[in-house]
């Protein structure tokens, strides 16, 4: 019986470790995704600022989808 109890506690500890590993991975990946979203927002803001400056200078900008046609 002692062996069965140790197997059970060992198995549950192993399960807890696996659960902890996956939770930690999710937390890390969510933080990385949030950082990527922030980077995309900053990039989009910079693109818009440059487009606005070019338009103020009289430069016509066409969208990429229009260029492909």
C-alpha atoms as a PDB file:
ATOM      1  CA  UNK A   1       0.000   0.000   0.000  1.00  0.00           C
ATOM      2  CA  UNK A   2       2.826   2.391   0.670  1.00  0.00           C
ATOM      3  CA  UNK A   3       3.992   1.888  -2.900  1.00  0.00           C
ATOM      4  CA  UNK A   4       0.505   2.679  -4.248  1.00  0.00           C
ATOM      5  CA  UNK A   5       0.337   5.866  -2.176  1.00  0.00           C
ATOM      6  CA  UNK A   6       3.745   6.985  -3.406  1.00  0.00           C
ATOM      7  CA  UNK A   7       2.736   6.272  -7.011  1.00  0.00           C
ATOM      8  CA  UNK A   8      -0.391   8.331  -6.573  1.00  0.00           C
ATOM      9  CA  UNK A   9       1.426  11.283  -5.001  1.00  0.00           C
ATOM     10  CA  UNK A  10       4.163  10.996  -7.622  1.00  0.00           C
ATOM     11  CA  UNK A  11       1.600  10.898 -10.435  1.00  0.00           C
ATOM     12  CA  UNK A  12      -0.315  13.869  -9.052  1.00  0.00           C
ATOM     13  CA  UNK A  13       2.886  15.858  -8.571  1.00  0.00           C
ATOM     14  CA  UNK A  14       3.825  15.071 -12.136  1.00  0.00           C
ATOM     15  CA  UNK A  15       0.348  16.136 -13.295  1.00  0.00           C
ATOM     16  CA  UNK A  16       0.647  19.340 -11.275  1.00  0.00           C
ATOM     17  CA  UNK A  17       4.025  20.024 -12.865  1.00  0.00           C
ATOM     18  CA  UNK A  18       2.563  19.527 -16.339  1.00  0.00           C
ATOM     19  CA  UNK A  19      -0.378  21.796 -15.539  1.00  0.00           C
ATOM     20  CA  UNK A  20       2.026  24.407 -14.152  1.00  0.00           C
ATOM     21  CA  UNK A  21       4.188  24.143 -17.255  1.00  0.00           C
ATOM     22  CA  UNK A  22       1.225  24.744 -19.578  1.00  0.00           C
ATOM     23  CA  UNK A  23      -0.117  27.604 -17.462  1.00  0.00           C
ATOM     24  CA  UNK A  24       3.303  29.231 -17.442  1.00  0.00           C
ATOM     25  CA  UNK A  25       3.601  28.792 -21.187  1.00  0.00           C
ATOM     26  CA  UNK A  26       0.195  30.378 -21.742  1.00  0.00           C
ATOM     27  CA  UNK A  27       1.090  33.339 -19.544  1.00  0.00           C
ATOM     28  CA  UNK A  28       4.320  33.866 -21.450  1.00  0.00           C
ATOM     29  CA  UNK A  29       2.655  33.541 -24.854  1.00  0.00           C
ATOM     30  CA  UNK A  30      -0.161  35.915 -23.893  1.00  0.00           C
ATOM     31  CA  UNK A  31       2.372  38.494 -22.747  1.00  0.00           C
ATOM     32  CA  UNK A  32       4.290  38.092 -26.007  1.00  0.00           C
ATOM     33  CA  UNK A  33       1.077  38.456 -28.031  1.00  0.00           C
ATOM     34  CA  UNK A  34       0.188  41.615 -26.125  1.00  0.00           C
ATOM     35  CA  UNK A  35       3.632  43.019 -26.856  1.00  0.00           C
ATOM     36  CA  UNK A  36       3.248  42.199 -30.555  1.00  0.00           C
ATOM     37  CA  UNK A  37      -0.123  43.966 -30.625  1.00  0.00           C
ATOM     38  CA  UNK A  38       1.490  47.000 -29.006  1.00  0.00           C
ATOM     39  CA  UNK A  39       4.283  46.979 -31.595  1.00  0.00           C
ATOM     40  CA  UNK A  40       1.754  46.742 -34.437  1.00  0.00           C
ATOM     41  CA  UNK A  41      -0.187  49.677 -32.991  1.00  0.00           C
ATOM     42  CA  UNK A  42       2.959  51.817 -32.752  1.00  0.00           C
ATOM     43  CA  UNK A  43       3.928  50.842 -36.314  1.00  0.00           C
ATOM     44  CA  UNK A  44       0.463  51.688 -37.618  1.00  0.00           C
ATOM     45  CA  UNK A  45       0.598  55.049 -35.859  1.00  0.00           C
ATOM     46  CA  UNK A  46       3.943  55.831 -37.477  1.00  0.00           C
ATOM     47  CA  UNK A  47       2.659  54.780 -40.909  1.00  0.00           C
ATOM     48  CA  UNK A  48      -0.354  57.065 -40.523  1.00  0.00           C
ATOM     49  CA  UNK A  49       1.870  59.966 -39.462  1.00  0.00           C
ATOM     50  CA  UNK A  50       4.085  59.529 -42.538  1.00  0.00           C
ATOM     51  CA  UNK A  51       1.083  59.193 -44.839  1.00  0.00           C
ATOM     52  CA  UNK A  52      -0.402  62.374 -43.429  1.00  0.00           C
ATOM     53  CA  UNK A  53       2.890  64.234 -43.875  1.00  0.00           C
ATOM     54  CA  UNK A  54       3.165  63.070 -47.483  1.00  0.00           C
ATOM     55  CA  UNK A  55      -0.435  64.083 -48.201  1.00  0.00           C
ATOM     56  CA  UNK A  56       0.250  67.533 -46.729  1.00  0.00           C
ATOM     57  CA  UNK A  57       3.196  67.787 -49.127  1.00  0.00           C
ATOM     58  CA  UNK A  58       0.882  66.977 -52.032  1.00  0.00           C
ATOM     59  CA  UNK A  59       2.140  63.452 -52.659  1.00  0.00           C
ATOM     60  CA  UNK A  60      -0.609  61.096 -53.750  1.00  0.00           C
ATOM     61  CA  UNK A  61      -0.460  57.710 -52.085  1.00  0.00           C
ATOM     62  CA  UNK A  62      -2.273  54.740 -53.534  1.00  0.00           C
ATOM     63  CA  UNK A  63      -3.166  51.698 -51.483  1.00  0.00           C
ATOM     64  CA  UNK A  64      -1.301  48.457 -52.107  1.00  0.00           C
ATOM     65  CA  UNK A  65      -4.494  46.719 -53.225  1.00  0.00           C
ATOM     66  CA  UNK A  66      -4.940  49.350 -55.951  1.00  0.00           C
ATOM     67  CA  UNK A  67      -1.355  48.844 -57.174  1.00  0.00           C
ATOM     68  CA  UNK A  68      -1.905  45.109 -57.640  1.00  0.00           C
ATOM     69  CA  UNK A  69      -4.752  45.659 -60.126  1.00  0.00           C
END
